[in-house]
Amino acid sequence: MEQTQSELEYVGFWPRMLASLVDSVLQLLVIIPIMLAVYGRAYWQDDRLFKGFSGVLFEWVFPLAATLAFWLLTQSSPGKMMIGAKIADAKTGADPRPFQLAVRYIGYFVSAFALCLGFIWVAFDNKKQGWHDKMAGTVVVRRKKRGR
């Protein structure tokens, strides 16, 4: 990481919520047209969690691969890039290791499981870590705004 710790700030709940929303919309803009092309309108009426090979591929594998690819290559996601944020190792401030990023992705499911309390935790934590960050030993940081 190029910046020193004094130039960085932890990114809080609302900016991270906005980044997550942007990431989700971008993924849906890719996934929904493909799923409609494969399954047609019946896609919306199918209540199964797994809708066949294409469903698993585009609803589960693609989001995993796209998210991890962005994290590995940029330590960020499109939404985090928009707010100037990056994922960093919580102890060193360096780029997180691939294993940390994989644990962080799995941690998203843990954070969501208990009524999204793991994500809401970001609002109350000193380092603005969600449960997924705590599990992986990561933080989300960005350059401090001038005048702070």
C-alpha atoms as a PDB file:
ATOM      1  CA  MET A   1       0.000   0.000   0.000  1.00  0.00           C
ATOM      2  CA  GLU A   2       1.483   3.334  -1.030  1.00  0.00           C
ATOM      3  CA  GLN A   3      -0.055   5.510   1.667  1.00  0.00           C
ATOM      4  CA  THR A   4       1.093   5.596   5.258  1.00  0.00           C
ATOM      5  CA  GLN A   5      -1.373   4.703   7.990  1.00  0.00           C
ATOM      6  CA  SER A   6      -1.794   8.397   8.896  1.00  0.00           C
ATOM      7  CA  GLU A   7      -3.049   9.146   5.355  1.00  0.00           C
ATOM      8  CA  LEU A   8      -5.726   6.449   5.518  1.00  0.00           C
ATOM      9  CA  GLU A   9      -9.095   6.142   7.192  1.00  0.00           C
ATOM     10  CA  TYR A  10     -11.367   3.188   7.764  1.00  0.00           C
ATOM     11  CA  VAL A  11     -14.409   3.250   5.505  1.00  0.00           C
ATOM     12  CA  GLY A  12     -17.698   3.222   7.378  1.00  0.00           C
ATOM     13  CA  PHE A  13     -21.078   1.613   6.890  1.00  0.00           C
ATOM     14  CA  TRP A  14     -22.848   3.986   4.457  1.00  0.00           C
ATOM     15  CA  PRO A  15     -20.051   4.332   1.886  1.00  0.00           C
ATOM     16  CA  ARG A  16     -19.554   0.567   1.975  1.00  0.00           C
ATOM     17  CA  MET A  17     -23.302   0.031   1.590  1.00  0.00           C
ATOM     18  CA  LEU A  18     -23.256   2.263  -1.505  1.00  0.00           C
ATOM     19  CA  ALA A  19     -20.268   0.356  -2.920  1.00  0.00           C
ATOM     20  CA  SER A  20     -22.038  -2.951  -2.309  1.00  0.00           C
ATOM     21  CA  LEU A  21     -25.175  -1.689  -4.033  1.00  0.00           C
ATOM     22  CA  VAL A  22     -23.157  -0.597  -7.086  1.00  0.00           C
ATOM     23  CA  ASP A  23     -21.410  -3.997  -7.223  1.00  0.00           C
ATOM     24  CA  SER A  24     -24.707  -5.855  -6.941  1.00  0.00           C
ATOM     25  CA  VAL A  25     -26.366  -3.815  -9.694  1.00  0.00           C
ATOM     26  CA  LEU A  26     -23.397  -4.343 -12.028  1.00  0.00           C
ATOM     27  CA  GLN A  27     -23.468  -8.098 -11.470  1.00  0.00           C
ATOM     28  CA  LEU A  28     -27.235  -8.216 -12.011  1.00  0.00           C
ATOM     29  CA  LEU A  29     -26.846  -6.297 -15.273  1.00  0.00           C
ATOM     30  CA  VAL A  30     -24.753  -9.229 -16.496  1.00  0.00           C
ATOM     31  CA  ILE A  31     -26.566 -12.148 -14.843  1.00  0.00           C
ATOM     32  CA  ILE A  32     -30.237 -11.334 -15.507  1.00  0.00           C
ATOM     33  CA  PRO A  33     -30.046 -11.022 -19.301  1.00  0.00           C
ATOM     34  CA  ILE A  34     -28.094 -14.278 -19.523  1.00  0.00           C
ATOM     35  CA  MET A  35     -30.537 -16.127 -17.283  1.00  0.00           C
ATOM     36  CA  LEU A  36     -33.499 -14.758 -19.253  1.00  0.00           C
ATOM     37  CA  ALA A  37     -31.842 -15.874 -22.509  1.00  0.00           C
ATOM     38  CA  VAL A  38     -31.304 -19.378 -21.105  1.00  0.00           C
ATOM     39  CA  TYR A  39     -34.580 -19.902 -19.187  1.00  0.00           C
ATOM     40  CA  GLY A  40     -36.954 -17.252 -20.555  1.00  0.00           C
ATOM     41  CA  ARG A  41     -39.703 -15.819 -18.347  1.00  0.00           C
ATOM     42  CA  ALA A  42     -39.997 -19.149 -16.518  1.00  0.00           C
ATOM     43  CA  TYR A  43     -36.830 -18.094 -14.679  1.00  0.00           C
ATOM     44  CA  TRP A  44     -38.891 -15.762 -12.454  1.00  0.00           C
ATOM     45  CA  GLN A  45     -41.405 -18.492 -11.569  1.00  0.00           C
ATOM     46  CA  ASP A  46     -38.863 -21.154 -10.635  1.00  0.00           C
ATOM     47  CA  ASP A  47     -38.527 -21.277  -6.836  1.00  0.00           C
ATOM     48  CA  ARG A  48     -35.610 -23.728  -6.776  1.00  0.00           C
ATOM     49  CA  LEU A  49     -32.345 -22.518  -5.256  1.00  0.00           C
ATOM     50  CA  PHE A  50     -30.380 -24.256  -8.029  1.00  0.00           C
ATOM     51  CA  LYS A  51     -31.906 -23.915 -11.480  1.00  0.00           C
ATOM     52  CA  GLY A  52     -29.638 -26.265 -13.381  1.00  0.00           C
ATOM     53  CA  PHE A  53     -26.081 -25.915 -14.672  1.00  0.00           C
ATOM     54  CA  SER A  54     -26.575 -22.398 -16.092  1.00  0.00           C
ATOM     55  CA  GLY A  55     -28.187 -21.263 -12.866  1.00  0.00           C
ATOM     56  CA  VAL A  56     -25.290 -22.524 -10.763  1.00  0.00           C
ATOM     57  CA  LEU A  57     -22.770 -21.087 -13.205  1.00  0.00           C
ATOM     58  CA  PHE A  58     -24.237 -17.592 -13.484  1.00  0.00           C
ATOM     59  CA  GLU A  59     -25.866 -17.160 -10.067  1.00  0.00           C
ATOM     60  CA  TRP A  60     -23.106 -18.703  -7.923  1.00  0.00           C
ATOM     61  CA  VAL A  61     -19.842 -19.289  -9.799  1.00  0.00           C
ATOM     62  CA  PHE A  62     -19.767 -16.050 -11.846  1.00  0.00           C
ATOM     63  CA  PRO A  63     -20.282 -13.732  -8.822  1.00  0.00           C
ATOM     64  CA  LEU A  64     -17.608 -15.649  -6.874  1.00  0.00           C
ATOM     65  CA  ALA A  65     -15.116 -15.526  -9.754  1.00  0.00           C
ATOM     66  CA  ALA A  66     -15.797 -11.875 -10.641  1.00  0.00           C
ATOM     67  CA  THR A  67     -15.566 -10.706  -7.032  1.00  0.00           C
ATOM     68  CA  LEU A  68     -12.374 -12.631  -6.261  1.00  0.00           C
ATOM     69  CA  ALA A  69     -10.785 -11.540  -9.563  1.00  0.00           C
ATOM     70  CA  PHE A  70     -11.401  -7.869  -8.757  1.00  0.00           C
ATOM     71  CA  TRP A  71     -10.176  -8.299  -5.195  1.00  0.00           C
ATOM     72  CA  LEU A  72      -7.035 -10.167  -6.293  1.00  0.00           C
ATOM     73  CA  LEU A  73      -6.145  -7.750  -9.090  1.00  0.00           C
ATOM     74  CA  THR A  74      -7.124  -4.418  -7.512  1.00  0.00           C
ATOM     75  CA  GLN A  75      -7.822  -5.123  -3.809  1.00  0.00           C
ATOM     76  CA  SER A  76     -11.145  -3.480  -4.585  1.00  0.00           C
ATOM     77  CA  SER A  77     -14.387  -3.831  -6.530  1.00  0.00           C
ATOM     78  CA  PRO A  78     -16.069  -1.399  -8.928  1.00  0.00           C
ATOM     79  CA  GLY A  79     -18.156   0.013  -6.074  1.00  0.00           C
ATOM     80  CA  LYS A  80     -15.162   0.335  -3.765  1.00  0.00           C
ATOM     81  CA  MET A  81     -13.180   1.962  -6.589  1.00  0.00           C
ATOM     82  CA  MET A  82     -15.993   4.491  -6.979  1.00  0.00           C
ATOM     83  CA  ILE A  83     -15.587   5.561  -3.330  1.00  0.00           C
ATOM     84  CA  GLY A  84     -11.777   5.321  -3.439  1.00  0.00           C
ATOM     85  CA  ALA A  85     -11.585   2.333  -1.081  1.00  0.00           C
ATOM     86  CA  LYS A  86      -9.366  -0.748  -0.980  1.00  0.00           C
ATOM     87  CA  ILE A  87      -9.210  -3.928   1.051  1.00  0.00           C
ATOM     88  CA  ALA A  88      -6.057  -4.204   3.176  1.00  0.00           C
ATOM     89  CA  ASP A  89      -4.557  -6.602   5.696  1.00  0.00           C
ATOM     90  CA  ALA A  90      -5.718  -5.405   9.125  1.00  0.00           C
ATOM     91  CA  LYS A  91      -2.341  -5.924  10.823  1.00  0.00           C
ATOM     92  CA  THR A  92       0.089  -4.645   8.201  1.00  0.00           C
ATOM     93  CA  GLY A  93      -1.944  -2.420   5.874  1.00  0.00           C
ATOM     94  CA  ALA A  94      -0.464  -4.381   2.955  1.00  0.00           C
ATOM     95  CA  ASP A  95      -2.441  -6.059   0.202  1.00  0.00           C
ATOM     96  CA  PRO A  96      -4.352  -9.042   1.599  1.00  0.00           C
ATOM     97  CA  ARG A  97      -3.237 -12.557   0.699  1.00  0.00           C
ATOM     98  CA  PRO A  98      -5.430 -14.640  -1.640  1.00  0.00           C
ATOM     99  CA  PHE A  99      -6.446 -16.890   1.256  1.00  0.00           C
ATOM    100  CA  GLN A 100      -7.677 -13.859   3.202  1.00  0.00           C
ATOM    101  CA  LEU A 101      -9.797 -12.780   0.246  1.00  0.00           C
ATOM    102  CA  ALA A 102     -11.322 -16.249  -0.099  1.00  0.00           C
ATOM    103  CA  VAL A 103     -12.164 -16.286   3.624  1.00  0.00           C
ATOM    104  CA  ARG A 104     -13.603 -12.778   3.289  1.00  0.00           C
ATOM    105  CA  TYR A 105     -15.933 -13.924   0.495  1.00  0.00           C
ATOM    106  CA  ILE A 106     -17.122 -16.900   2.559  1.00  0.00           C
ATOM    107  CA  GLY A 107     -17.544 -14.480   5.451  1.00  0.00           C
ATOM    108  CA  TYR A 108     -20.119 -12.548   3.423  1.00  0.00           C
ATOM    109  CA  PHE A 109     -22.497 -15.497   3.866  1.00  0.00           C
ATOM    110  CA  VAL A 110     -21.791 -15.571   7.618  1.00  0.00           C
ATOM    111  CA  SER A 111     -22.357 -11.802   7.832  1.00  0.00           C
ATOM    112  CA  ALA A 112     -25.655 -12.101   5.958  1.00  0.00           C
ATOM    113  CA  PHE A 113     -26.931 -15.173   7.799  1.00  0.00           C
ATOM    114  CA  ALA A 114     -27.854 -13.496  11.096  1.00  0.00           C
ATOM    115  CA  LEU A 115     -30.215 -10.830   9.692  1.00  0.00           C
ATOM    116  CA  CYS A 116     -27.215  -9.077   8.079  1.00  0.00           C
ATOM    117  CA  LEU A 117     -25.864  -8.217  11.532  1.00  0.00           C
ATOM    118  CA  GLY A 118     -22.338  -8.994  10.304  1.00  0.00           C
ATOM    119  CA  PHE A 119     -22.596  -6.150   7.785  1.00  0.00           C
ATOM    120  CA  ILE A 120     -24.328  -3.773  10.203  1.00  0.00           C
ATOM    121  CA  TRP A 121     -21.430  -4.414  12.608  1.00  0.00           C
ATOM    122  CA  VAL A 122     -19.313  -2.092  10.401  1.00  0.00           C
ATOM    123  CA  ALA A 123     -21.276   0.885  11.773  1.00  0.00           C
ATOM    124  CA  PHE A 124     -20.244   0.164  15.368  1.00  0.00           C
ATOM    125  CA  ASP A 125     -16.737  -1.290  15.108  1.00  0.00           C
ATOM    126  CA  ASN A 126     -13.681   0.900  15.828  1.00  0.00           C
ATOM    127  CA  LYS A 127     -11.922  -0.302  12.668  1.00  0.00           C
ATOM    128  CA  LYS A 128     -15.193  -0.435  10.689  1.00  0.00           C
ATOM    129  CA  GLN A 129     -14.817  -4.200  10.244  1.00  0.00           C
ATOM    130  CA  GLY A 130     -17.733  -6.435   9.411  1.00  0.00           C
ATOM    131  CA  TRP A 131     -17.711 -10.046  10.538  1.00  0.00           C
ATOM    132  CA  HIS A 132     -16.323 -11.027   7.129  1.00  0.00           C
ATOM    133  CA  ASP A 133     -13.413  -8.608   7.686  1.00  0.00           C
ATOM    134  CA  LYS A 134     -12.776  -9.954  11.171  1.00  0.00           C
ATOM    135  CA  MET A 135     -12.795 -13.546   9.877  1.00  0.00           C
ATOM    136  CA  ALA A 136     -10.297 -12.667   7.134  1.00  0.00           C
ATOM    137  CA  GLY A 137      -8.161 -10.178   9.051  1.00  0.00           C
ATOM    138  CA  THR A 138      -8.935  -7.351   6.624  1.00  0.00           C
ATOM    139  CA  VAL A 139     -10.058  -3.734   6.738  1.00  0.00           C
ATOM    140  CA  VAL A 140     -11.466  -1.403   4.087  1.00  0.00           C
ATOM    141  CA  VAL A 141      -9.538   1.868   3.867  1.00  0.00           C
ATOM    142  CA  ARG A 142      -9.249   4.973   1.713  1.00  0.00           C
ATOM    143  CA  ARG A 143      -7.255   8.167   1.648  1.00  0.00           C
ATOM    144  CA  LYS A 144      -8.376  10.728   4.193  1.00  0.00           C
ATOM    145  CA  LYS A 145     -10.191  13.698   2.779  1.00  0.00           C
ATOM    146  CA  ARG A 146      -8.302  16.973   3.009  1.00  0.00           C
ATOM    147  CA  GLY A 147      -8.997  18.952   6.166  1.00  0.00           C
ATOM    148  CA  ARG A 148      -9.500  15.958   8.451  1.00  0.00           C
END
